[in-house]
Amino acid sequence: FLFDQPAVQCMWMKNTLIPLSVAFIADDGRILNIEDMAPQTEDNHCAAKPARYALEMNRGWFAKHGISAGVKISGLPKSAR
């Protein structure tokens, strides 16, 4: 997800049938935090600080690949427009 402005973004899993992990990413590409999300729940999972991006992967994908908060991601788009 690419948001117009950095903000404390939140995600939830209503109508999602598989478990996911979401990484909230700052404007500079650094991962702020990663949250594991259970399917078909309305629990809010929010960025620790203002985030420009949210990247959802299968649950556990980030941990399996050694990706954690503080890792910088390159090549992200700068604008949703």
C-alpha atoms as a PDB file:
ATOM      1  CA  PHE A   1       0.000   0.000   0.000  1.00  0.00           C
ATOM      2  CA  LEU A   2       1.219   3.510  -0.812  1.00  0.00           C
ATOM      3  CA  PHE A   3      -0.390   6.281   1.196  1.00  0.00           C
ATOM      4  CA  ASP A   4      -0.614   9.930   0.053  1.00  0.00           C
ATOM      5  CA  GLN A   5       0.925  11.252   3.268  1.00  0.00           C
ATOM      6  CA  PRO A   6       2.906   9.659   6.109  1.00  0.00           C
ATOM      7  CA  ALA A   7       0.585   8.970   9.050  1.00  0.00           C
ATOM      8  CA  VAL A   8       0.027   6.337  11.711  1.00  0.00           C
ATOM      9  CA  GLN A   9      -1.625   3.849   9.351  1.00  0.00           C
ATOM     10  CA  CYS A  10      -3.619   0.870  10.649  1.00  0.00           C
ATOM     11  CA  MET A  11      -4.617  -2.389   8.975  1.00  0.00           C
ATOM     12  CA  TRP A  12      -7.151  -5.086   9.854  1.00  0.00           C
ATOM     13  CA  MET A  13      -8.111  -8.480   8.488  1.00  0.00           C
ATOM     14  CA  LYS A  14     -11.911  -8.535   8.111  1.00  0.00           C
ATOM     15  CA  ASN A  15     -12.764 -10.711   5.064  1.00  0.00           C
ATOM     16  CA  THR A  16      -9.138 -11.888   4.715  1.00  0.00           C
ATOM     17  CA  LEU A  17      -8.893 -15.690   4.867  1.00  0.00           C
ATOM     18  CA  ILE A  18      -5.137 -16.207   5.338  1.00  0.00           C
ATOM     19  CA  PRO A  19      -2.755 -15.026   8.083  1.00  0.00           C
ATOM     20  CA  LEU A  20      -0.524 -12.134   7.027  1.00  0.00           C
ATOM     21  CA  SER A  21       2.324 -10.027   8.371  1.00  0.00           C
ATOM     22  CA  VAL A  22       2.431  -6.323   7.605  1.00  0.00           C
ATOM     23  CA  ALA A  23       5.528  -4.133   7.556  1.00  0.00           C
ATOM     24  CA  PHE A  24       4.930  -0.424   8.071  1.00  0.00           C
ATOM     25  CA  ILE A  25       7.567   1.580   6.207  1.00  0.00           C
ATOM     26  CA  ALA A  26       8.621   5.218   6.641  1.00  0.00           C
ATOM     27  CA  ASP A  27       9.086   7.753   3.860  1.00  0.00           C
ATOM     28  CA  ASP A  28      12.827   6.974   3.746  1.00  0.00           C
ATOM     29  CA  GLY A  29      12.216   3.227   3.220  1.00  0.00           C
ATOM     30  CA  ARG A  30      13.031   2.068   6.752  1.00  0.00           C
ATOM     31  CA  ILE A  31      10.759  -0.564   8.283  1.00  0.00           C
ATOM     32  CA  LEU A  32       9.171   0.928  11.394  1.00  0.00           C
ATOM     33  CA  ASN A  33       7.554  -2.234  12.738  1.00  0.00           C
ATOM     34  CA  ILE A  34       6.144  -5.558  11.587  1.00  0.00           C
ATOM     35  CA  GLU A  35       2.848  -6.917  12.886  1.00  0.00           C
ATOM     36  CA  ASP A  36       1.413 -10.428  12.528  1.00  0.00           C
ATOM     37  CA  MET A  37      -2.305 -10.443  11.730  1.00  0.00           C
ATOM     38  CA  ALA A  38      -4.869 -13.213  12.210  1.00  0.00           C
ATOM     39  CA  PRO A  39      -7.441 -13.904   9.492  1.00  0.00           C
ATOM     40  CA  GLN A  40     -11.028 -12.654   9.728  1.00  0.00           C
ATOM     41  CA  THR A  41     -10.424 -10.318  12.673  1.00  0.00           C
ATOM     42  CA  GLU A  42     -11.096  -6.639  13.192  1.00  0.00           C
ATOM     43  CA  ASP A  43      -8.087  -6.045  15.454  1.00  0.00           C
ATOM     44  CA  ASN A  44      -6.159  -2.917  14.479  1.00  0.00           C
ATOM     45  CA  HIS A  45      -2.460  -3.314  13.671  1.00  0.00           C
ATOM     46  CA  CYS A  46      -0.852   0.117  13.473  1.00  0.00           C
ATOM     47  CA  ALA A  47       2.417   1.734  12.497  1.00  0.00           C
ATOM     48  CA  ALA A  48       4.660   2.685  15.427  1.00  0.00           C
ATOM     49  CA  LYS A  49       5.322   6.079  13.758  1.00  0.00           C
ATOM     50  CA  PRO A  50       4.026   7.857  10.638  1.00  0.00           C
ATOM     51  CA  ALA A  51       4.319   5.448   7.683  1.00  0.00           C
ATOM     52  CA  ARG A  52       4.137   6.080   3.930  1.00  0.00           C
ATOM     53  CA  TYR A  53       3.910   2.392   2.972  1.00  0.00           C
ATOM     54  CA  ALA A  54       2.493  -0.895   4.241  1.00  0.00           C
ATOM     55  CA  LEU A  55       3.673  -4.195   2.762  1.00  0.00           C
ATOM     56  CA  GLU A  56       1.668  -7.359   3.454  1.00  0.00           C
ATOM     57  CA  MET A  57       3.219 -10.803   3.062  1.00  0.00           C
ATOM     58  CA  ASN A  58       2.292 -14.302   4.191  1.00  0.00           C
ATOM     59  CA  ARG A  59       2.563 -14.518   7.974  1.00  0.00           C
ATOM     60  CA  GLY A  60       6.154 -15.114   9.038  1.00  0.00           C
ATOM     61  CA  TRP A  61       7.703 -14.174   5.667  1.00  0.00           C
ATOM     62  CA  PHE A  62       9.686 -11.250   7.093  1.00  0.00           C
ATOM     63  CA  ALA A  63      11.105 -13.322   9.983  1.00  0.00           C
ATOM     64  CA  LYS A  64      11.948 -16.203   7.643  1.00  0.00           C
ATOM     65  CA  HIS A  65      13.982 -13.821   5.477  1.00  0.00           C
ATOM     66  CA  GLY A  66      15.700 -12.053   8.383  1.00  0.00           C
ATOM     67  CA  ILE A  67      13.865  -8.781   7.772  1.00  0.00           C
ATOM     68  CA  SER A  68      13.009  -6.737  10.853  1.00  0.00           C
ATOM     69  CA  ALA A  69      12.398  -3.174  12.028  1.00  0.00           C
ATOM     70  CA  GLY A  70      15.196  -0.844  10.958  1.00  0.00           C
ATOM     71  CA  VAL A  71      15.917  -2.592   7.640  1.00  0.00           C
ATOM     72  CA  LYS A  72      15.841  -0.169   4.711  1.00  0.00           C
ATOM     73  CA  ILE A  73      13.916  -1.063   1.559  1.00  0.00           C
ATOM     74  CA  SER A  74      14.971   0.563  -1.714  1.00  0.00           C
ATOM     75  CA  GLY A  75      13.091   1.121  -4.966  1.00  0.00           C
ATOM     76  CA  LEU A  76       9.799   2.204  -3.412  1.00  0.00           C
ATOM     77  CA  PRO A  77       7.537   4.508  -5.455  1.00  0.00           C
ATOM     78  CA  LYS A  78       7.400   8.112  -4.284  1.00  0.00           C
ATOM     79  CA  SER A  79       3.798   8.930  -5.145  1.00  0.00           C
ATOM     80  CA  ALA A  80       0.471   7.172  -5.562  1.00  0.00           C
ATOM     81  CA  ARG A  81      -0.298   9.498  -8.500  1.00  0.00           C
END
